[in-house]
């Protein structure tokens, strides 16, 4: 059997394992980390009807990791009766953000314009945050669908970050840093974040200093949050697939070493 055929069988086996584990409705047992518990407790502590600004600042490429986490956070917020104002400062995240907030709003029977609103995309993140701190209507004259903000009941009396309870930054890069530097430092609006696993260590110092109020990250964070919500979802399925993949790779390594040692012994 040629090396190419061997590689094909290896990747085929990997694909089968991933697909099967994603389809199996098994709830994985994960220990909830202090990061995830802190985020859950923070959202749980917000008074009902508080306005949360959700900033979808990520690319489509990070969807497999970001989507399960985003849905957990949005579902928790809607279940607590919080009002959501969605924005995006990264073009690819615009439609993705709207679809996620729309999906979760329908799950909880929330009404657009009363319980949630989507403002859409604006470029130049730093300048946009500064403008939001001064006047939301100065940055967004209308919502994602062209409706004037003064015609939206949810936004009556809300015209700056001063009336926002917290900003939830869902990001796959350093956009959360800009929210802390400009939103938190200048306008003192609390910042919480849902980020990819690779960004967690980058934000640890901000969490320790209090510049970041809470943070949860990665597929593991999504699985932990699903456990807190008592809901089986893509986070737990993803963790199961990831664990099965790791075991498959370990088995391949052991098999390869066994074949190598046996061949060397045969030569002797």
C-alpha atoms as a PDB file:
ATOM      1  CA  UNK A   1       0.000   0.000   0.000  1.00  0.00           C
ATOM      2  CA  UNK A   2       1.463   3.345  -1.022  1.00  0.00           C
ATOM      3  CA  UNK A   3       1.958   6.273   1.322  1.00  0.00           C
ATOM      4  CA  UNK A   4      -0.762   8.222  -0.510  1.00  0.00           C
ATOM      5  CA  UNK A   5      -3.334   5.477   0.002  1.00  0.00           C
ATOM      6  CA  UNK A   6      -2.380   5.197   3.669  1.00  0.00           C
ATOM      7  CA  UNK A   7      -2.873   8.918   4.149  1.00  0.00           C
ATOM      8  CA  UNK A   8      -6.248   8.741   2.434  1.00  0.00           C
ATOM      9  CA  UNK A   9      -7.419   5.994   4.785  1.00  0.00           C
ATOM     10  CA  UNK A  10      -6.144   7.926   7.786  1.00  0.00           C
ATOM     11  CA  UNK A  11      -8.062  11.088   6.829  1.00  0.00           C
ATOM     12  CA  UNK A  12     -11.145   9.056   5.943  1.00  0.00           C
ATOM     13  CA  UNK A  13     -11.064   7.476   9.396  1.00  0.00           C
ATOM     14  CA  UNK A  14     -10.689  10.904  10.971  1.00  0.00           C
ATOM     15  CA  UNK A  15     -13.681  12.232   9.018  1.00  0.00           C
ATOM     16  CA  UNK A  16     -15.845   9.265  10.049  1.00  0.00           C
ATOM     17  CA  UNK A  17     -14.969   9.722  13.723  1.00  0.00           C
ATOM     18  CA  UNK A  18     -15.737  13.453  13.674  1.00  0.00           C
ATOM     19  CA  UNK A  19     -19.068  13.015  11.878  1.00  0.00           C
ATOM     20  CA  UNK A  20     -20.217  10.158  14.112  1.00  0.00           C
ATOM     21  CA  UNK A  21     -19.309  11.901  17.365  1.00  0.00           C
ATOM     22  CA  UNK A  22     -21.029  15.120  16.233  1.00  0.00           C
ATOM     23  CA  UNK A  23     -24.215  13.153  15.532  1.00  0.00           C
ATOM     24  CA  UNK A  24     -24.265  11.136  18.758  1.00  0.00           C
ATOM     25  CA  UNK A  25     -26.505  12.860  21.373  1.00  0.00           C
ATOM     26  CA  UNK A  26     -24.141  12.269  24.282  1.00  0.00           C
ATOM     27  CA  UNK A  27     -23.737  14.816  27.071  1.00  0.00           C
ATOM     28  CA  UNK A  28     -20.087  15.165  28.046  1.00  0.00           C
ATOM     29  CA  UNK A  29     -19.169  15.736  31.667  1.00  0.00           C
ATOM     30  CA  UNK A  30     -17.079  18.887  31.901  1.00  0.00           C
ATOM     31  CA  UNK A  31     -15.941  20.734  34.986  1.00  0.00           C
ATOM     32  CA  UNK A  32     -17.020  24.367  34.943  1.00  0.00           C
ATOM     33  CA  UNK A  33     -13.976  26.646  35.142  1.00  0.00           C
ATOM     34  CA  UNK A  34     -13.852  29.840  37.245  1.00  0.00           C
ATOM     35  CA  UNK A  35     -13.812  31.871  34.001  1.00  0.00           C
ATOM     36  CA  UNK A  36     -17.124  30.435  32.814  1.00  0.00           C
ATOM     37  CA  UNK A  37     -18.741  30.591  36.241  1.00  0.00           C
ATOM     38  CA  UNK A  38     -17.750  34.234  36.584  1.00  0.00           C
ATOM     39  CA  UNK A  39     -19.362  35.083  33.228  1.00  0.00           C
ATOM     40  CA  UNK A  40     -22.525  33.188  34.108  1.00  0.00           C
ATOM     41  CA  UNK A  41     -22.793  34.891  37.496  1.00  0.00           C
ATOM     42  CA  UNK A  42     -22.203  38.319  35.942  1.00  0.00           C
ATOM     43  CA  UNK A  43     -24.997  37.975  33.383  1.00  0.00           C
ATOM     44  CA  UNK A  44     -27.231  36.432  36.041  1.00  0.00           C
ATOM     45  CA  UNK A  45     -26.696  39.473  38.285  1.00  0.00           C
ATOM     46  CA  UNK A  46     -27.853  42.041  35.727  1.00  0.00           C
ATOM     47  CA  UNK A  47     -31.315  43.486  36.467  1.00  0.00           C
ATOM     48  CA  UNK A  48     -34.102  42.465  34.094  1.00  0.00           C
ATOM     49  CA  UNK A  49     -34.650  44.851  31.156  1.00  0.00           C
ATOM     50  CA  UNK A  50     -31.045  46.075  31.314  1.00  0.00           C
ATOM     51  CA  UNK A  51     -29.660  46.907  27.858  1.00  0.00           C
ATOM     52  CA  UNK A  52     -26.667  44.865  26.709  1.00  0.00           C
ATOM     53  CA  UNK A  53     -24.725  45.966  23.642  1.00  0.00           C
ATOM     54  CA  UNK A  54     -23.405  42.915  21.785  1.00  0.00           C
ATOM     55  CA  UNK A  55     -20.484  43.596  19.455  1.00  0.00           C
ATOM     56  CA  UNK A  56     -19.961  40.853  16.855  1.00  0.00           C
ATOM     57  CA  UNK A  57     -16.323  41.366  15.918  1.00  0.00           C
ATOM     58  CA  UNK A  58     -15.196  38.149  14.272  1.00  0.00           C
ATOM     59  CA  UNK A  59     -14.694  36.524  10.884  1.00  0.00           C
ATOM     60  CA  UNK A  60     -16.613  33.648   9.351  1.00  0.00           C
ATOM     61  CA  UNK A  61     -13.514  31.454   9.722  1.00  0.00           C
ATOM     62  CA  UNK A  62     -13.931  31.379  13.523  1.00  0.00           C
ATOM     63  CA  UNK A  63     -17.598  30.316  13.382  1.00  0.00           C
ATOM     64  CA  UNK A  64     -17.074  26.685  14.521  1.00  0.00           C
ATOM     65  CA  UNK A  65     -15.621  27.975  17.794  1.00  0.00           C
ATOM     66  CA  UNK A  66     -17.425  31.294  18.209  1.00  0.00           C
ATOM     67  CA  UNK A  67     -20.972  30.303  17.254  1.00  0.00           C
ATOM     68  CA  UNK A  68     -21.649  27.803  20.106  1.00  0.00           C
ATOM     69  CA  UNK A  69     -20.245  30.300  22.597  1.00  0.00           C
ATOM     70  CA  UNK A  70     -22.276  33.204  21.196  1.00  0.00           C
ATOM     71  CA  UNK A  71     -25.516  31.236  21.298  1.00  0.00           C
ATOM     72  CA  UNK A  72     -24.933  30.306  24.948  1.00  0.00           C
ATOM     73  CA  UNK A  73     -24.372  33.923  25.970  1.00  0.00           C
ATOM     74  CA  UNK A  74     -27.338  35.241  23.965  1.00  0.00           C
ATOM     75  CA  UNK A  75     -29.658  32.533  25.281  1.00  0.00           C
ATOM     76  CA  UNK A  76     -28.655  33.254  28.850  1.00  0.00           C
ATOM     77  CA  UNK A  77     -29.192  36.983  28.370  1.00  0.00           C
ATOM     78  CA  UNK A  78     -32.619  36.565  26.761  1.00  0.00           C
ATOM     79  CA  UNK A  79     -33.671  34.083  29.444  1.00  0.00           C
ATOM     80  CA  UNK A  80     -32.871  36.745  32.050  1.00  0.00           C
ATOM     81  CA  UNK A  81     -35.114  39.288  30.323  1.00  0.00           C
ATOM     82  CA  UNK A  82     -32.237  41.475  29.166  1.00  0.00           C
ATOM     83  CA  UNK A  83     -32.602  43.702  26.111  1.00  0.00           C
ATOM     84  CA  UNK A  84     -30.028  43.316  23.342  1.00  0.00           C
ATOM     85  CA  UNK A  85     -28.563  45.916  20.981  1.00  0.00           C
ATOM     86  CA  UNK A  86     -26.387  44.256  18.325  1.00  0.00           C
ATOM     87  CA  UNK A  87     -23.562  46.023  16.506  1.00  0.00           C
ATOM     88  CA  UNK A  88     -20.611  44.938  14.398  1.00  0.00           C
ATOM     89  CA  UNK A  89     -17.311  46.620  13.599  1.00  0.00           C
ATOM     90  CA  UNK A  90     -16.027  43.825  11.374  1.00  0.00           C
ATOM     91  CA  UNK A  91     -17.788  43.445   8.041  1.00  0.00           C
ATOM     92  CA  UNK A  92     -17.910  39.630   8.033  1.00  0.00           C
ATOM     93  CA  UNK A  93     -19.514  39.567  11.458  1.00  0.00           C
ATOM     94  CA  UNK A  94     -22.440  41.765  10.422  1.00  0.00           C
ATOM     95  CA  UNK A  95     -24.789  39.199   8.883  1.00  0.00           C
ATOM     96  CA  UNK A  96     -23.508  36.455  11.195  1.00  0.00           C
ATOM     97  CA  UNK A  97     -24.334  38.567  14.238  1.00  0.00           C
ATOM     98  CA  UNK A  98     -27.813  39.411  13.008  1.00  0.00           C
ATOM     99  CA  UNK A  99     -28.651  35.779  12.305  1.00  0.00           C
ATOM    100  CA  UNK A 100     -27.502  34.659  15.743  1.00  0.00           C
ATOM    101  CA  UNK A 101     -29.369  37.353  17.648  1.00  0.00           C
ATOM    102  CA  UNK A 102     -32.484  36.805  15.504  1.00  0.00           C
ATOM    103  CA  UNK A 103     -32.368  33.034  16.062  1.00  0.00           C
ATOM    104  CA  UNK A 104     -32.095  33.272  19.841  1.00  0.00           C
ATOM    105  CA  UNK A 105     -34.723  36.021  20.048  1.00  0.00           C
ATOM    106  CA  UNK A 106     -37.231  33.771  18.248  1.00  0.00           C
ATOM    107  CA  UNK A 107     -36.453  30.910  20.638  1.00  0.00           C
ATOM    108  CA  UNK A 108     -37.587  33.091  23.546  1.00  0.00           C
ATOM    109  CA  UNK A 109     -40.431  34.828  21.743  1.00  0.00           C
ATOM    110  CA  UNK A 110     -38.791  38.246  21.857  1.00  0.00           C
ATOM    111  CA  UNK A 111     -40.049  41.127  19.721  1.00  0.00           C
ATOM    112  CA  UNK A 112     -37.815  43.214  17.473  1.00  0.00           C
ATOM    113  CA  UNK A 113     -37.676  46.864  18.481  1.00  0.00           C
ATOM    114  CA  UNK A 114     -39.018  46.095  21.959  1.00  0.00           C
ATOM    115  CA  UNK A 115     -36.664  43.401  23.312  1.00  0.00           C
ATOM    116  CA  UNK A 116     -33.807  43.592  20.831  1.00  0.00           C
ATOM    117  CA  UNK A 117     -32.496  45.684  17.962  1.00  0.00           C
ATOM    118  CA  UNK A 118     -29.694  45.293  15.447  1.00  0.00           C
ATOM    119  CA  UNK A 119     -27.801  48.397  14.385  1.00  0.00           C
ATOM    120  CA  UNK A 120     -25.360  46.785  11.969  1.00  0.00           C
ATOM    121  CA  UNK A 121     -21.850  47.561  10.740  1.00  0.00           C
ATOM    122  CA  UNK A 122     -19.679  50.629  11.054  1.00  0.00           C
ATOM    123  CA  UNK A 123     -15.949  50.877  10.134  1.00  0.00           C
ATOM    124  CA  UNK A 124     -13.114  52.316  12.236  1.00  0.00           C
ATOM    125  CA  UNK A 125     -13.668  50.574  15.566  1.00  0.00           C
ATOM    126  CA  UNK A 126     -11.832  53.049  17.797  1.00  0.00           C
ATOM    127  CA  UNK A 127     -13.594  56.096  16.371  1.00  0.00           C
ATOM    128  CA  UNK A 128     -16.932  54.262  16.456  1.00  0.00           C
ATOM    129  CA  UNK A 129     -16.582  53.423  20.161  1.00  0.00           C
ATOM    130  CA  UNK A 130     -15.752  57.031  20.974  1.00  0.00           C
ATOM    131  CA  UNK A 131     -18.805  58.158  19.023  1.00  0.00           C
ATOM    132  CA  UNK A 132     -21.018  55.635  20.838  1.00  0.00           C
ATOM    133  CA  UNK A 133     -19.803  57.093  24.120  1.00  0.00           C
ATOM    134  CA  UNK A 134     -21.001  60.515  23.030  1.00  0.00           C
ATOM    135  CA  UNK A 135     -24.137  59.643  21.052  1.00  0.00           C
ATOM    136  CA  UNK A 136     -25.433  56.392  19.587  1.00  0.00           C
ATOM    137  CA  UNK A 137     -27.568  58.360  17.139  1.00  0.00           C
ATOM    138  CA  UNK A 138     -24.469  60.226  16.044  1.00  0.00           C
ATOM    139  CA  UNK A 139     -23.085  56.927  14.759  1.00  0.00           C
ATOM    140  CA  UNK A 140     -26.303  55.140  13.824  1.00  0.00           C
ATOM    141  CA  UNK A 141     -29.056  57.346  12.453  1.00  0.00           C
ATOM    142  CA  UNK A 142     -31.051  54.199  11.665  1.00  0.00           C
ATOM    143  CA  UNK A 143     -30.964  50.504  12.403  1.00  0.00           C
ATOM    144  CA  UNK A 144     -29.875  47.606  10.158  1.00  0.00           C
ATOM    145  CA  UNK A 145     -33.148  47.806   8.238  1.00  0.00           C
ATOM    146  CA  UNK A 146     -33.245  51.565   7.784  1.00  0.00           C
ATOM    147  CA  UNK A 147     -35.669  52.344  10.623  1.00  0.00           C
ATOM    148  CA  UNK A 148     -34.872  55.644  12.405  1.00  0.00           C
ATOM    149  CA  UNK A 149     -33.699  54.993  15.969  1.00  0.00           C
ATOM    150  CA  UNK A 150     -36.281  57.414  17.375  1.00  0.00           C
ATOM    151  CA  UNK A 151     -38.984  55.081  16.005  1.00  0.00           C
ATOM    152  CA  UNK A 152     -37.662  52.076  17.959  1.00  0.00           C
ATOM    153  CA  UNK A 153     -39.326  51.764  21.410  1.00  0.00           C
ATOM    154  CA  UNK A 154     -36.385  49.938  22.999  1.00  0.00           C
ATOM    155  CA  UNK A 155     -34.014  52.846  22.330  1.00  0.00           C
ATOM    156  CA  UNK A 156     -36.176  55.566  23.868  1.00  0.00           C
ATOM    157  CA  UNK A 157     -34.005  57.324  26.446  1.00  0.00           C
ATOM    158  CA  UNK A 158     -30.854  55.509  25.316  1.00  0.00           C
ATOM    159  CA  UNK A 159     -28.364  57.649  23.418  1.00  0.00           C
ATOM    160  CA  UNK A 160     -24.895  56.781  24.716  1.00  0.00           C
ATOM    161  CA  UNK A 161     -22.870  54.110  26.454  1.00  0.00           C
ATOM    162  CA  UNK A 162     -23.885  55.699  29.756  1.00  0.00           C
ATOM    163  CA  UNK A 163     -27.302  54.034  29.399  1.00  0.00           C
ATOM    164  CA  UNK A 164     -25.816  50.642  28.453  1.00  0.00           C
ATOM    165  CA  UNK A 165     -25.493  48.134  31.315  1.00  0.00           C
ATOM    166  CA  UNK A 166     -22.585  46.224  29.753  1.00  0.00           C
ATOM    167  CA  UNK A 167     -20.881  45.627  26.409  1.00  0.00           C
ATOM    168  CA  UNK A 168     -20.455  41.999  25.355  1.00  0.00           C
ATOM    169  CA  UNK A 169     -17.585  41.744  22.865  1.00  0.00           C
ATOM    170  CA  UNK A 170     -17.648  38.513  20.849  1.00  0.00           C
ATOM    171  CA  UNK A 171     -14.307  38.512  19.069  1.00  0.00           C
ATOM    172  CA  UNK A 172     -11.626  36.331  17.519  1.00  0.00           C
ATOM    173  CA  UNK A 173      -8.836  38.931  17.580  1.00  0.00           C
ATOM    174  CA  UNK A 174      -7.911  42.025  19.602  1.00  0.00           C
ATOM    175  CA  UNK A 175     -11.107  44.064  19.172  1.00  0.00           C
ATOM    176  CA  UNK A 176     -12.029  43.456  22.802  1.00  0.00           C
ATOM    177  CA  UNK A 177      -8.878  45.377  23.733  1.00  0.00           C
ATOM    178  CA  UNK A 178     -10.217  48.464  21.951  1.00  0.00           C
ATOM    179  CA  UNK A 179     -13.471  48.206  23.859  1.00  0.00           C
ATOM    180  CA  UNK A 180     -11.515  48.244  27.106  1.00  0.00           C
ATOM    181  CA  UNK A 181      -9.196  51.051  26.035  1.00  0.00           C
ATOM    182  CA  UNK A 182     -11.922  53.357  24.732  1.00  0.00           C
ATOM    183  CA  UNK A 183     -15.243  52.131  26.124  1.00  0.00           C
ATOM    184  CA  UNK A 184     -14.168  51.156  29.644  1.00  0.00           C
ATOM    185  CA  UNK A 185     -11.344  53.627  30.209  1.00  0.00           C
ATOM    186  CA  UNK A 186     -13.108  56.706  28.872  1.00  0.00           C
ATOM    187  CA  UNK A 187     -16.801  56.047  29.448  1.00  0.00           C
ATOM    188  CA  UNK A 188     -16.580  53.502  32.269  1.00  0.00           C
ATOM    189  CA  UNK A 189     -18.928  51.018  30.599  1.00  0.00           C
ATOM    190  CA  UNK A 190     -18.305  47.434  31.842  1.00  0.00           C
ATOM    191  CA  UNK A 191     -16.875  45.035  29.251  1.00  0.00           C
ATOM    192  CA  UNK A 192     -17.364  41.266  29.135  1.00  0.00           C
ATOM    193  CA  UNK A 193     -16.061  39.012  26.382  1.00  0.00           C
ATOM    194  CA  UNK A 194     -16.609  35.769  24.506  1.00  0.00           C
ATOM    195  CA  UNK A 195     -13.386  34.942  22.663  1.00  0.00           C
ATOM    196  CA  UNK A 196     -11.557  32.117  20.917  1.00  0.00           C
ATOM    197  CA  UNK A 197      -9.431  29.801  23.051  1.00  0.00           C
ATOM    198  CA  UNK A 198      -6.201  31.232  21.630  1.00  0.00           C
ATOM    199  CA  UNK A 199      -7.100  34.715  22.933  1.00  0.00           C
ATOM    200  CA  UNK A 200      -7.851  33.727  26.536  1.00  0.00           C
ATOM    201  CA  UNK A 201      -4.300  34.096  27.837  1.00  0.00           C
ATOM    202  CA  UNK A 202      -3.986  37.495  26.123  1.00  0.00           C
ATOM    203  CA  UNK A 203      -6.918  38.839  28.139  1.00  0.00           C
ATOM    204  CA  UNK A 204      -5.947  37.319  31.495  1.00  0.00           C
ATOM    205  CA  UNK A 205      -4.155  40.486  32.695  1.00  0.00           C
ATOM    206  CA  UNK A 206      -7.215  42.627  31.855  1.00  0.00           C
ATOM    207  CA  UNK A 207      -9.425  40.248  33.814  1.00  0.00           C
ATOM    208  CA  UNK A 208      -7.109  40.388  36.825  1.00  0.00           C
ATOM    209  CA  UNK A 209      -6.928  44.201  36.734  1.00  0.00           C
ATOM    210  CA  UNK A 210     -10.708  44.600  36.481  1.00  0.00           C
ATOM    211  CA  UNK A 211     -10.637  46.241  33.051  1.00  0.00           C
ATOM    212  CA  UNK A 212     -12.475  43.166  31.822  1.00  0.00           C
ATOM    213  CA  UNK A 213     -15.374  42.175  34.079  1.00  0.00           C
ATOM    214  CA  UNK A 214     -15.800  38.587  32.829  1.00  0.00           C
ATOM    215  CA  UNK A 215     -14.604  36.339  30.029  1.00  0.00           C
ATOM    216  CA  UNK A 216     -15.313  32.912  28.575  1.00  0.00           C
ATOM    217  CA  UNK A 217     -13.403  31.362  25.721  1.00  0.00           C
ATOM    218  CA  UNK A 218     -13.299  28.602  23.171  1.00  0.00           C
ATOM    219  CA  UNK A 219     -15.244  25.444  22.527  1.00  0.00           C
ATOM    220  CA  UNK A 220     -14.500  24.253  26.052  1.00  0.00           C
ATOM    221  CA  UNK A 221     -16.043  27.443  27.430  1.00  0.00           C
ATOM    222  CA  UNK A 222     -19.149  26.837  25.314  1.00  0.00           C
ATOM    223  CA  UNK A 223     -19.438  23.264  26.616  1.00  0.00           C
ATOM    224  CA  UNK A 224     -19.132  24.488  30.202  1.00  0.00           C
ATOM    225  CA  UNK A 225     -21.728  27.194  29.640  1.00  0.00           C
ATOM    226  CA  UNK A 226     -24.125  24.665  28.113  1.00  0.00           C
ATOM    227  CA  UNK A 227     -23.793  22.636  31.283  1.00  0.00           C
ATOM    228  CA  UNK A 228     -24.674  25.677  33.398  1.00  0.00           C
ATOM    229  CA  UNK A 229     -27.684  26.312  31.156  1.00  0.00           C
ATOM    230  CA  UNK A 230     -28.584  22.607  31.359  1.00  0.00           C
ATOM    231  CA  UNK A 231     -28.692  22.482  27.583  1.00  0.00           C
ATOM    232  CA  UNK A 232     -26.965  20.092  25.174  1.00  0.00           C
ATOM    233  CA  UNK A 233     -25.468  21.924  22.218  1.00  0.00           C
ATOM    234  CA  UNK A 234     -22.656  22.276  19.713  1.00  0.00           C
ATOM    235  CA  UNK A 235     -20.102  23.024  22.429  1.00  0.00           C
ATOM    236  CA  UNK A 236     -20.485  19.625  24.075  1.00  0.00           C
ATOM    237  CA  UNK A 237     -20.698  17.839  20.725  1.00  0.00           C
ATOM    238  CA  UNK A 238     -17.550  19.648  19.619  1.00  0.00           C
ATOM    239  CA  UNK A 239     -15.689  18.651  22.772  1.00  0.00           C
ATOM    240  CA  UNK A 240     -16.728  15.030  22.274  1.00  0.00           C
ATOM    241  CA  UNK A 241     -15.493  15.122  18.669  1.00  0.00           C
ATOM    242  CA  UNK A 242     -12.258  16.775  19.775  1.00  0.00           C
ATOM    243  CA  UNK A 243     -11.630  14.134  22.459  1.00  0.00           C
ATOM    244  CA  UNK A 244     -12.379  11.280  20.041  1.00  0.00           C
ATOM    245  CA  UNK A 245     -10.017  12.823  17.485  1.00  0.00           C
ATOM    246  CA  UNK A 246      -7.228  13.038  20.051  1.00  0.00           C
ATOM    247  CA  UNK A 247      -7.703   9.361  20.965  1.00  0.00           C
ATOM    248  CA  UNK A 248      -7.659   8.442  17.265  1.00  0.00           C
ATOM    249  CA  UNK A 249      -4.379  10.314  16.749  1.00  0.00           C
ATOM    250  CA  UNK A 250      -2.838   8.661  19.823  1.00  0.00           C
ATOM    251  CA  UNK A 251      -3.879   5.265  18.469  1.00  0.00           C
ATOM    252  CA  UNK A 252      -2.250   6.082  15.098  1.00  0.00           C
ATOM    253  CA  UNK A 253       0.987   7.138  16.818  1.00  0.00           C
ATOM    254  CA  UNK A 254       1.109   3.948  18.883  1.00  0.00           C
ATOM    255  CA  UNK A 255       0.333   1.815  15.829  1.00  0.00           C
ATOM    256  CA  UNK A 256       3.028   3.542  13.782  1.00  0.00           C
ATOM    257  CA  UNK A 257       5.622   3.017  16.495  1.00  0.00           C
ATOM    258  CA  UNK A 258       4.643  -0.639  16.867  1.00  0.00           C
ATOM    259  CA  UNK A 259       5.019  -1.215  13.106  1.00  0.00           C
ATOM    260  CA  UNK A 260       8.361   0.598  13.071  1.00  0.00           C
ATOM    261  CA  UNK A 261       9.796  -1.389  16.006  1.00  0.00           C
ATOM    262  CA  UNK A 262       8.561  -4.676  14.562  1.00  0.00           C
ATOM    263  CA  UNK A 263      10.123  -3.884  11.166  1.00  0.00           C
ATOM    264  CA  UNK A 264      13.433  -2.976  12.780  1.00  0.00           C
ATOM    265  CA  UNK A 265      13.423  -6.173  14.810  1.00  0.00           C
ATOM    266  CA  UNK A 266      12.712  -8.173  11.623  1.00  0.00           C
ATOM    267  CA  UNK A 267      15.735  -6.636   9.914  1.00  0.00           C
ATOM    268  CA  UNK A 268      17.981  -7.666  12.795  1.00  0.00           C
END
